[in-house]
Amino acid sequence: MAVNKQIENLLSATGLQFAYREFKPYKNKPVPKPPYIVYLIDNESGRGADGKNLLMRKRVTIELYSNTKSISHEAAVEAAISTFEFEKYEEYISEEKMYCVSYEFDIYEKIRRN
């Protein structure tokens, strides 16, 4: 399964709207009001032996945006990604008057070689 699809399957369990990198307004579909999730794969590296990459590590960042501190939304995200070891960060974006809680974790994929 592709990593993006795997992440989207996890995030769908939160019940929150999500997008890869950013929400883009489109015709009659504006950017949703918080809370919402943005995720991205911000780093990839290959590992292997004998000059061949056999394992791909992908660093995933999930950002939960909300107008108020929401323990229940954080718990929903944490439950969705509970199979991964993650790091959690929080900041308040004063210009936007929003909280951003970030989760970072790695997903490993075996690379199939013929």
Protein backbone atom coordinates (compact mmCIF):
# COMPACT_ATOMS: atom_id res chain seq x y z
CA MET A 1 0.00 0.00 0.00
CA ALA A 2 1.33 3.45 -0.85
CA VAL A 3 2.36 5.46 2.19
CA ASN A 4 -0.01 8.36 1.43
CA LYS A 5 -2.95 5.96 1.26
CA GLN A 6 -1.82 4.28 4.48
CA ILE A 7 -1.66 7.65 6.28
CA GLU A 8 -5.04 8.71 4.90
CA ASN A 9 -6.59 5.46 6.13
CA LEU A 10 -5.20 6.19 9.61
CA LEU A 11 -6.38 9.81 9.60
CA SER A 12 -9.88 8.98 8.40
CA ALA A 13 -10.47 7.34 11.80
CA THR A 14 -10.11 10.76 13.48
CA GLY A 15 -13.27 12.11 11.86
CA LEU A 16 -11.44 15.34 10.97
CA GLN A 17 -10.87 16.73 7.50
CA PHE A 18 -7.32 16.33 6.24
CA ALA A 19 -5.16 17.20 3.24
CA TYR A 20 -1.65 16.60 1.99
CA ARG A 21 0.51 19.72 2.63
CA GLU A 22 -2.33 22.27 2.44
CA PHE A 23 -6.01 22.81 1.76
CA LYS A 24 -6.59 24.58 -1.52
CA PRO A 25 -9.84 26.48 -2.03
CA TYR A 26 -11.62 25.22 -5.11
CA LYS A 27 -14.73 26.72 -6.68
CA ASN A 28 -17.44 26.46 -3.99
CA LYS A 29 -15.24 24.45 -1.62
CA PRO A 30 -13.35 26.80 0.73
CA VAL A 31 -10.63 25.85 3.18
CA PRO A 32 -12.36 24.17 6.15
CA LYS A 33 -12.65 25.84 9.52
CA PRO A 34 -10.46 24.35 12.25
CA PRO A 35 -10.02 21.77 13.57
CA TYR A 36 -8.38 20.05 10.63
CA ILE A 37 -5.25 18.06 9.82
CA VAL A 38 -2.46 18.62 7.33
CA TYR A 39 0.12 15.90 6.74
CA LEU A 40 3.28 15.61 4.71
CA ILE A 41 6.23 13.36 4.05
CA ASP A 42 9.14 15.69 4.64
CA ASN A 43 12.11 13.34 4.31
CA GLU A 44 12.89 10.01 2.66
CA SER A 45 16.02 7.92 2.77
CA GLY A 46 16.97 4.57 1.32
CA ARG A 47 19.01 1.88 3.02
CA GLY A 48 20.34 -1.41 1.81
CA ALA A 49 23.36 -3.45 0.93
CA ASP A 50 25.47 -4.33 -2.08
CA GLY A 51 24.73 -0.95 -3.67
CA LYS A 52 20.97 -1.50 -3.66
CA ASN A 53 18.35 0.23 -1.56
CA LEU A 54 16.14 -2.39 0.03
CA LEU A 55 14.40 -0.32 2.69
CA MET A 56 12.90 3.16 2.44
CA ARG A 57 12.39 5.31 5.54
CA LYS A 58 9.78 8.06 5.22
CA ARG A 59 9.51 10.79 7.87
CA VAL A 60 5.83 11.73 8.28
CA THR A 61 4.56 14.91 9.92
CA ILE A 62 0.94 15.30 10.93
CA GLU A 63 -0.22 18.75 12.03
CA LEU A 64 -3.47 19.24 13.93
CA TYR A 65 -4.76 22.82 13.71
CA SER A 66 -7.45 24.13 16.05
CA ASN A 67 -8.73 27.42 17.47
CA THR A 68 -8.66 26.09 21.03
CA LYS A 69 -6.61 23.46 22.81
CA SER A 70 -8.47 20.20 22.16
CA ILE A 71 -7.42 17.17 24.18
CA SER A 72 -10.11 15.05 22.48
CA HIS A 73 -8.83 15.80 18.96
CA GLU A 74 -5.26 15.15 20.06
CA ALA A 75 -6.37 11.84 21.57
CA ALA A 76 -8.08 10.91 18.28
CA VAL A 77 -4.90 11.58 16.30
CA GLU A 78 -2.77 9.73 18.85
CA ALA A 79 -5.11 6.74 18.74
CA ALA A 80 -4.90 6.70 14.93
CA ILE A 81 -1.09 6.65 14.91
CA SER A 82 -0.66 4.52 18.03
CA THR A 83 1.15 1.75 16.14
CA PHE A 84 4.06 4.13 15.52
CA GLU A 85 6.56 5.65 17.93
CA PHE A 86 6.03 9.39 17.55
CA GLU A 87 7.30 12.72 18.79
CA LYS A 88 4.77 15.42 19.68
CA TYR A 89 5.23 19.19 19.57
CA GLU A 90 2.86 22.04 20.24
CA GLU A 91 2.93 25.71 19.34
CA TYR A 92 0.56 28.65 19.26
CA ILE A 93 0.52 30.61 16.00
CA SER A 94 -0.38 34.08 17.21
CA GLU A 95 -0.87 35.58 13.71
CA GLU A 96 -3.48 32.93 12.95
CA LYS A 97 -4.80 32.63 16.52
CA MET A 98 -4.53 28.85 16.22
CA TYR A 99 -2.86 25.98 17.98
CA CYS A 100 -0.73 23.56 16.00
CA VAL A 101 0.07 20.17 17.48
CA SER A 102 2.60 18.27 15.36
CA TYR A 103 3.34 14.57 15.37
CA GLU A 104 6.42 13.13 13.68
CA PHE A 105 7.10 9.46 13.03
CA ASP A 106 8.79 7.14 10.55
CA ILE A 107 7.23 4.62 8.19
CA TYR A 108 9.47 1.94 6.69
CA GLU A 109 8.76 0.28 3.36
CA LYS A 110 10.52 -2.69 1.84
CA ILE A 111 11.60 -2.06 -1.71
CA ARG A 112 10.93 -4.99 -4.01
CA ARG A 113 13.65 -5.79 -6.46
CA ASN A 114 13.21 -8.10 -9.44
